[in-house]
Amino acid sequence: MNMDAIDRAIIVATQEGLPLVPQPYHAVAHQVGIEPDEVMARFRIMLESGVIRRIGAVPNHYALGYKANGMTVWDVADERIDELGKRIGQLDFVSHCYQRPRHLPDWSYNLFAMVHGHDRTETERKAQQIAELLGGDCRAHEILYSTRILKKTGLRIPG
């Protein structure tokens, strides 16, 4: 997709969230100087082309009581990582799942999945579910717990 100045303006206007008003697309349209229908049409095109991944609410898991946030790391066969990663990524308690390179001999983990729990017991129970799903494909795993948030934003493009 070739983005033009209007697409860029829409992204800049919404990259920190849609306006919290009854008609957010109308507010964006007013800010950008186009009609609301055009804002919605351009969003659809950007979604279909992959320029943006989704439009939706992003809850603050800490405010919702999820205090034990653990990046689970897994050592699985590289040739199975796509299949296994898709299965783990479909679990409703996994917020994101991706492949990372190994750094042998010190770091053998290549599959990462973020799991949120109200406490460590819950997070460990969820990690156990992942281990059961992986079965014999899991050679080792660990949970790396968050201790504090240093930054939590997506990519921001300058206005």
Protein backbone atom coordinates (compact mmCIF):
# COMPACT_ATOMS: atom_id res chain seq x y z
CA MET A 1 0.00 0.00 0.00
CA ASN A 2 1.23 3.47 -0.84
CA MET A 3 0.40 5.73 2.09
CA ASP A 4 -0.34 9.34 1.34
CA ALA A 5 -0.30 12.41 3.60
CA ILE A 6 -3.89 11.79 4.72
CA ASP A 7 -3.16 8.18 5.76
CA ARG A 8 -0.14 9.39 7.70
CA ALA A 9 -2.21 12.12 9.38
CA ILE A 10 -4.83 9.54 10.42
CA ILE A 11 -2.13 7.32 11.93
CA VAL A 12 -0.50 10.21 13.77
CA ALA A 13 -3.92 11.34 15.06
CA THR A 14 -4.79 7.87 16.39
CA GLN A 15 -1.50 6.19 17.31
CA GLU A 16 -2.00 6.90 21.01
CA GLY A 17 -5.63 5.80 20.83
CA LEU A 18 -8.92 6.87 19.37
CA PRO A 19 -10.49 9.96 20.95
CA LEU A 20 -12.71 8.99 23.90
CA VAL A 21 -15.83 10.61 22.51
CA PRO A 22 -19.16 9.17 21.32
CA GLN A 23 -18.09 9.42 17.63
CA PRO A 24 -14.31 8.93 17.53
CA TYR A 25 -14.08 8.64 13.72
CA HIS A 26 -15.88 11.96 13.37
CA ALA A 27 -13.36 13.58 15.73
CA VAL A 28 -10.45 12.14 13.72
CA ALA A 29 -12.08 13.31 10.49
CA HIS A 30 -12.42 16.82 11.90
CA GLN A 31 -8.79 16.82 13.02
CA VAL A 32 -7.50 15.55 9.66
CA GLY A 33 -9.89 17.62 7.52
CA ILE A 34 -11.83 14.87 5.74
CA GLU A 35 -15.23 13.17 6.08
CA PRO A 36 -15.81 10.40 8.68
CA ASP A 37 -16.70 7.90 5.92
CA GLU A 38 -13.30 8.48 4.35
CA VAL A 39 -11.55 7.92 7.71
CA MET A 40 -13.36 4.57 8.09
CA ALA A 41 -12.65 3.58 4.47
CA ARG A 42 -8.95 4.40 4.84
CA PHE A 43 -8.78 2.41 8.10
CA ARG A 44 -10.31 -0.59 6.30
CA ILE A 45 -7.69 -0.35 3.53
CA MET A 46 -4.86 0.01 6.06
CA LEU A 47 -6.15 -3.06 7.95
CA GLU A 48 -6.50 -5.16 4.79
CA SER A 49 -3.04 -4.19 3.55
CA GLY A 50 -1.40 -4.83 6.92
CA VAL A 51 -0.27 -1.24 7.52
CA ILE A 52 -2.15 -1.46 10.81
CA ARG A 53 -2.86 -4.75 12.57
CA ARG A 54 -6.05 -3.97 14.44
CA ILE A 55 -8.33 -1.36 15.90
CA GLY A 56 -9.43 -2.23 19.40
CA ALA A 57 -9.27 -1.63 23.09
CA VAL A 58 -5.98 -2.35 24.83
CA PRO A 59 -6.76 -3.04 28.48
CA ASN A 60 -4.24 -2.25 31.19
CA HIS A 61 -3.68 -5.72 32.66
CA TYR A 62 -2.14 -4.29 35.83
CA ALA A 63 -5.28 -2.19 36.49
CA LEU A 64 -7.36 -5.34 35.93
CA GLY A 65 -5.44 -7.17 38.65
CA TYR A 66 -3.00 -9.20 36.53
CA LYS A 67 0.15 -8.64 38.58
CA ALA A 68 2.17 -11.77 37.73
CA ASN A 69 3.21 -11.22 34.13
CA GLY A 70 5.65 -13.76 32.82
CA MET A 71 7.41 -14.15 29.52
CA THR A 72 7.47 -17.90 29.09
CA VAL A 73 10.43 -19.09 27.04
CA TRP A 74 10.55 -22.47 25.34
CA ASP A 75 13.17 -24.62 23.66
CA VAL A 76 11.47 -26.34 20.73
CA ALA A 77 12.75 -27.74 17.45
CA ASP A 78 13.26 -24.94 14.93
CA GLU A 79 11.54 -26.92 12.18
CA ARG A 80 8.33 -27.12 14.30
CA ILE A 81 8.29 -23.56 15.62
CA ASP A 82 5.72 -22.18 13.15
CA GLU A 83 3.17 -24.87 13.93
CA LEU A 84 3.79 -24.81 17.68
CA GLY A 85 3.86 -21.02 17.85
CA LYS A 86 0.47 -20.80 16.13
CA ARG A 87 -1.02 -23.26 18.62
CA ILE A 88 0.34 -21.35 21.61
CA GLY A 89 -0.62 -17.99 20.12
CA GLN A 90 -4.25 -19.13 19.91
CA LEU A 91 -4.50 -19.63 23.67
CA ASP A 92 -6.71 -16.93 25.17
CA PHE A 93 -4.27 -16.25 28.03
CA VAL A 94 -1.28 -15.61 25.72
CA SER A 95 -1.10 -11.93 24.73
CA HIS A 96 1.75 -12.34 22.24
CA CYS A 97 3.90 -15.15 20.94
CA TYR A 98 6.95 -15.01 18.72
CA GLN A 99 10.22 -16.62 17.69
CA ARG A 100 13.58 -15.27 18.80
CA PRO A 101 17.07 -16.51 17.94
CA ARG A 102 18.93 -18.85 20.23
CA HIS A 103 22.28 -17.75 21.66
CA LEU A 104 24.01 -21.05 22.32
CA PRO A 105 25.43 -22.29 24.55
CA ASP A 106 23.98 -19.80 27.05
CA TRP A 107 20.43 -19.38 25.75
CA SER A 108 18.62 -22.29 24.09
CA TYR A 109 15.11 -20.76 24.03
CA ASN A 110 13.59 -19.84 20.68
CA LEU A 111 9.83 -19.54 21.33
CA PHE A 112 8.44 -16.78 23.57
CA ALA A 113 4.87 -16.36 24.87
CA MET A 114 3.66 -13.65 27.26
CA VAL A 115 1.31 -14.95 29.94
CA HIS A 116 -0.61 -12.84 32.46
CA GLY A 117 -1.88 -14.04 35.83
CA HIS A 118 -3.31 -12.52 39.00
CA ASP A 119 -0.49 -14.22 40.91
CA ARG A 120 2.49 -16.44 40.16
CA THR A 121 0.52 -19.61 40.87
CA GLU A 122 -1.95 -18.74 38.12
CA THR A 123 0.83 -17.84 35.69
CA GLU A 124 2.65 -21.09 36.45
CA ARG A 125 -0.58 -23.05 35.91
CA LYS A 126 -0.97 -21.42 32.50
CA ALA A 127 2.66 -22.17 31.63
CA GLN A 128 1.98 -25.79 32.56
CA GLN A 129 -0.91 -25.80 30.07
CA ILE A 130 1.52 -24.63 27.38
CA ALA A 131 3.98 -27.35 28.41
CA GLU A 132 1.22 -29.95 28.09
CA LEU A 133 0.22 -28.58 24.69
CA LEU A 134 3.85 -28.82 23.52
CA GLY A 135 4.31 -32.27 25.03
CA GLY A 136 7.50 -33.96 23.86
CA ASP A 137 8.29 -31.00 21.60
CA CYS A 138 9.28 -28.99 24.68
CA ARG A 139 12.87 -29.64 25.67
CA ALA A 140 13.03 -26.95 28.38
CA HIS A 141 11.25 -23.81 29.51
CA GLU A 142 11.36 -20.98 32.03
CA ILE A 143 9.20 -18.06 33.14
CA LEU A 144 10.78 -14.62 33.23
CA TYR A 145 8.61 -12.39 35.44
CA SER A 146 8.17 -8.67 34.92
CA THR A 147 9.20 -6.58 37.89
CA ARG A 148 8.21 -3.14 36.56
CA ILE A 149 7.16 -1.36 33.39
CA LEU A 150 9.84 0.83 31.88
CA LYS A 151 7.95 1.65 28.67
CA LYS A 152 4.74 0.36 27.20
CA THR A 153 3.84 1.82 23.83
CA GLY A 154 3.79 0.65 20.27
CA LEU A 155 5.74 2.19 17.45
CA ARG A 156 5.15 5.94 17.19
CA ILE A 157 5.75 7.86 14.01
CA PRO A 158 6.53 11.56 14.32
CA GLY A 159 3.78 14.04 13.42
